[in-house]
């Protein structure tokens, strides 16, 4: 099952550091691959918009310049993120 965990980089309620830690410690077949995977710059229309890390079917994505209400803070970028996830396309455009 494809899984996306995302946070705004400025979210003080559900911060990306906590999400990264629980995904890294999640016991699953891709745990070692996820932990070893590099963080990759995420771009929308060629503009750096955050970063992501993926292994097998799990992705952690951090939305730059966004807080707890990422869709409100970065609507275009979050739309692209959801679209790419649903259509199983490349993260960066």
Protein backbone atom coordinates (compact mmCIF):
# COMPACT_ATOMS: atom_id res chain seq x y z
CA UNK A 1 0.00 0.00 0.00
CA UNK A 2 1.57 3.33 -0.99
CA UNK A 3 1.99 5.49 2.11
CA UNK A 4 2.71 9.21 2.33
CA UNK A 5 3.63 10.95 5.58
CA UNK A 6 3.97 14.70 5.21
CA UNK A 7 4.55 17.69 7.44
CA UNK A 8 5.11 21.40 7.07
CA UNK A 9 8.69 22.23 7.97
CA UNK A 10 7.48 24.93 10.40
CA UNK A 11 4.75 22.83 12.04
CA UNK A 12 5.11 23.17 15.80
CA UNK A 13 2.29 20.70 16.56
CA UNK A 14 3.18 17.71 14.36
CA UNK A 15 6.79 18.37 13.47
CA UNK A 16 8.69 16.59 10.73
CA UNK A 17 11.42 15.44 13.12
CA UNK A 18 8.94 13.33 15.07
CA UNK A 19 7.47 11.92 11.86
CA UNK A 20 10.93 11.08 10.56
CA UNK A 21 11.79 9.31 13.80
CA UNK A 22 8.69 7.15 13.90
CA UNK A 23 8.97 6.22 10.20
CA UNK A 24 12.65 5.31 10.69
CA UNK A 25 11.72 3.15 13.70
CA UNK A 26 8.68 1.54 12.10
CA UNK A 27 9.27 -2.19 11.79
CA UNK A 28 8.62 -3.15 8.17
CA UNK A 29 10.41 -4.83 5.29
CA UNK A 30 11.79 -1.54 3.95
CA UNK A 31 13.00 -0.11 7.26
CA UNK A 32 16.73 -0.43 6.47
CA UNK A 33 16.22 0.94 2.96
CA UNK A 34 14.27 3.93 4.26
CA UNK A 35 16.85 4.74 6.93
CA UNK A 36 19.67 4.55 4.37
CA UNK A 37 17.83 6.56 1.69
CA UNK A 38 18.98 10.14 1.15
CA UNK A 39 16.80 13.19 1.56
CA UNK A 40 16.05 14.50 -1.92
CA UNK A 41 15.06 18.05 -2.81
CA UNK A 42 11.43 18.25 -3.84
CA UNK A 43 10.62 20.78 -6.55
CA UNK A 44 7.37 22.10 -7.97
CA UNK A 45 7.72 23.70 -11.39
CA UNK A 46 11.49 23.70 -10.88
CA UNK A 47 11.32 25.63 -7.58
CA UNK A 48 12.68 23.94 -4.42
CA UNK A 49 9.60 23.24 -2.29
CA UNK A 50 10.89 20.93 0.44
CA UNK A 51 12.43 17.50 0.57
CA UNK A 52 11.41 13.86 0.60
CA UNK A 53 12.78 10.45 1.42
CA UNK A 54 11.35 7.27 -0.09
CA UNK A 55 11.88 3.55 0.14
CA UNK A 56 9.69 0.92 -1.46
CA UNK A 57 6.15 2.25 -0.99
CA UNK A 58 6.71 4.70 1.91
CA UNK A 59 7.53 8.39 1.49
CA UNK A 60 8.18 11.09 4.07
CA UNK A 61 7.78 14.54 2.53
CA UNK A 62 8.44 17.91 4.19
CA UNK A 63 6.72 20.97 2.72
CA UNK A 64 8.98 24.05 2.87
CA UNK A 65 7.64 27.33 4.29
CA UNK A 66 4.53 25.64 5.67
CA UNK A 67 3.16 25.04 9.11
CA UNK A 68 0.39 22.87 10.53
CA UNK A 69 -1.96 24.03 7.76
CA UNK A 70 0.31 23.14 4.85
CA UNK A 71 -2.52 23.18 2.27
CA UNK A 72 -3.35 26.76 3.32
CA UNK A 73 0.29 27.87 3.47
CA UNK A 74 1.44 26.22 0.22
CA UNK A 75 -1.71 25.28 -1.76
CA UNK A 76 -0.01 24.82 -5.13
CA UNK A 77 2.74 22.65 -3.69
CA UNK A 78 0.42 20.50 -1.58
CA UNK A 79 -1.89 20.05 -4.57
CA UNK A 80 1.06 18.81 -6.61
CA UNK A 81 2.11 16.50 -3.76
CA UNK A 82 -1.35 14.92 -3.49
CA UNK A 83 -1.67 14.65 -7.26
CA UNK A 84 1.73 12.94 -7.58
CA UNK A 85 0.86 10.55 -4.75
CA UNK A 86 -2.55 9.57 -6.13
CA UNK A 87 -1.26 9.17 -9.68
CA UNK A 88 1.99 7.51 -8.51
CA UNK A 89 4.10 10.02 -10.46
CA UNK A 90 7.51 11.51 -9.78
CA UNK A 91 7.54 13.86 -6.78
CA UNK A 92 9.38 16.70 -8.49
CA UNK A 93 8.10 18.63 -11.48
